[in-house]
Amino acid sequence: MIFAIAMDYTVFLLASAKEHYERSADPHEAMVGAVAQSSRVIFAAGAVMVAVFFTFALSGPLPPKEMGIVLGVAVLLDALLVRLVLLPVLLSLTGKTAWAVPRWLSRVLPNIHFAHD
C-alpha cells in the first residue's frame, strides 16, 4: 500500500529530473535541479497524507488508530528519507547509466521529451 501511495512522489521527482537531464546532460545537475524544483511538492503532498493518516489515531477503535499511526509514519519516512534523500543520491551516483536505455527498447518506446524549449 505504501508503495502505491509513494508512486506520485516518484513521478514528480523523476519527471523533473528527466527534464533537467535533457537540458543539461549532467546527472548531478539534473538531480540538484529536480530536488530544488519538486521537493516542496513532495513535502507538501507527504505532509497532507501524514496529517490525514494521523487523524485516524483520533478514532474510537484500536485497529484504525494503529493503521493511521503506522501509515503516517511510513509515508513520512518515505517522503522525507527515501524520495528526497536516497533516490536523488542513488541517481547521482549511477550517473549517465541511470538514464541509459537499451537500443532494442529505444526502438520500441515512443520518443518523449520532458524539456520545455
Protein backbone atom coordinates (compact mmCIF):
# COMPACT_ATOMS: atom_id res chain seq x y z
CA MET A 1 0.00 0.00 0.00
CA ILE A 2 2.83 2.39 0.85
CA PHE A 3 4.47 1.60 -2.50
CA ALA A 4 1.31 2.63 -4.35
CA ILE A 5 0.98 5.83 -2.33
CA ALA A 6 4.60 6.78 -2.94
CA MET A 7 4.46 6.44 -6.72
CA ASP A 8 3.21 10.00 -7.20
CA TYR A 9 6.31 11.34 -5.42
CA THR A 10 8.49 9.32 -7.73
CA VAL A 11 6.70 10.64 -10.80
CA PHE A 12 7.13 14.25 -9.64
CA LEU A 13 10.83 13.77 -8.92
CA LEU A 14 11.79 11.68 -11.95
CA ALA A 15 9.86 13.78 -14.47
CA SER A 16 11.63 16.87 -13.18
CA ALA A 17 14.99 15.07 -13.18
CA LYS A 18 14.48 13.85 -16.75
CA GLU A 19 13.60 17.38 -17.84
CA HIS A 20 16.77 18.77 -16.24
CA TYR A 21 18.87 15.92 -17.63
CA GLU A 22 17.62 16.53 -21.18
CA ARG A 23 18.53 20.19 -20.81
CA SER A 24 21.99 19.80 -19.24
CA ALA A 25 23.14 16.17 -19.90
CA ASP A 26 24.71 16.29 -16.43
CA PRO A 27 23.24 13.74 -13.97
CA HIS A 28 24.36 15.62 -10.87
CA GLU A 29 22.92 18.94 -12.05
CA ALA A 30 19.73 17.15 -13.09
CA MET A 31 19.18 15.77 -9.59
CA VAL A 32 20.02 19.07 -7.90
CA GLY A 33 17.57 20.88 -10.17
CA ALA A 34 14.90 18.21 -9.75
CA VAL A 35 15.10 18.25 -5.96
CA ALA A 36 15.07 22.05 -5.94
CA GLN A 37 12.04 22.14 -8.20
CA SER A 38 9.93 19.29 -6.82
CA SER A 39 10.90 19.00 -3.15
CA ARG A 40 8.21 21.42 -1.97
CA VAL A 41 5.51 19.50 -3.86
CA ILE A 42 6.73 16.17 -2.48
CA PHE A 43 6.96 17.53 1.06
CA ALA A 44 3.51 19.15 0.88
CA ALA A 45 1.85 16.02 -0.52
CA GLY A 46 3.52 13.89 2.14
CA ALA A 47 2.51 16.31 4.90
CA VAL A 48 -1.13 16.22 3.78
CA MET A 49 -1.18 12.43 3.76
CA VAL A 50 0.57 12.22 7.13
CA ALA A 51 -1.99 14.62 8.62
CA VAL A 52 -4.87 12.58 7.21
CA PHE A 53 -3.43 9.30 8.45
CA PHE A 54 -2.69 10.70 11.89
CA THR A 55 -6.32 11.79 12.23
CA PHE A 56 -7.18 8.08 12.22
CA ALA A 57 -5.45 7.98 15.62
CA LEU A 58 -8.32 10.08 16.98
CA SER A 59 -10.91 7.43 16.09
CA GLY A 60 -12.51 5.15 18.66
CA PRO A 61 -11.47 1.54 17.96
CA LEU A 62 -7.86 0.41 18.20
CA PRO A 63 -7.30 -1.02 14.65
CA PRO A 64 -7.90 2.31 12.82
CA LYS A 65 -5.66 4.06 15.36
CA GLU A 66 -2.83 1.61 14.71
CA MET A 67 -3.32 1.77 10.96
CA GLY A 68 -3.30 5.57 10.97
CA ILE A 69 -0.11 5.81 13.00
CA VAL A 70 1.72 3.13 11.01
CA LEU A 71 0.70 4.60 7.64
CA GLY A 72 1.50 8.13 8.79
CA VAL A 73 4.99 7.19 9.94
CA ALA A 74 5.58 5.14 6.78
CA VAL A 75 4.56 8.00 4.48
CA LEU A 76 6.63 10.47 6.49
CA LEU A 77 9.74 8.29 6.23
CA ASP A 78 9.12 7.54 2.57
CA ALA A 79 8.56 11.16 1.53
CA LEU A 80 11.42 12.63 3.52
CA LEU A 81 14.05 9.91 3.61
CA VAL A 82 13.54 7.80 0.52
CA ARG A 83 12.22 10.27 -2.07
CA LEU A 84 14.12 13.40 -1.02
CA VAL A 85 17.41 11.84 0.12
CA LEU A 86 18.07 8.27 -1.04
CA LEU A 87 16.61 8.39 -4.56
CA PRO A 88 18.46 11.58 -5.61
CA VAL A 89 21.71 10.27 -4.14
CA LEU A 90 21.39 6.93 -5.94
CA LEU A 91 20.58 8.58 -9.25
CA SER A 92 23.52 10.95 -8.86
CA LEU A 93 25.88 8.08 -8.03
CA THR A 94 24.79 5.97 -11.00
CA GLY A 95 25.35 8.93 -13.33
CA LYS A 96 24.53 8.58 -17.00
CA THR A 97 23.77 4.87 -16.66
CA ALA A 98 20.61 5.76 -14.73
CA TRP A 99 19.27 7.41 -17.89
CA ALA A 100 20.57 4.88 -20.44
CA VAL A 101 18.01 2.95 -22.45
CA PRO A 102 18.96 -0.26 -24.28
CA ARG A 103 18.97 0.10 -28.06
CA TRP A 104 16.24 -2.51 -28.60
CA LEU A 105 13.98 -0.78 -26.09
CA SER A 106 14.52 2.68 -27.56
CA ARG A 107 13.22 1.37 -30.90
CA VAL A 108 10.01 0.17 -29.22
CA LEU A 109 9.32 3.11 -26.92
CA PRO A 110 7.93 6.39 -28.22
CA ASN A 111 10.29 9.36 -28.27
CA ILE A 112 9.05 11.62 -25.44
CA HIS A 113 10.87 14.71 -24.24
CA PHE A 114 10.15 16.47 -20.97
CA ALA A 115 12.19 19.61 -21.56
CA HIS A 116 10.34 22.83 -22.22
CA ASP A 117 12.02 24.57 -25.13
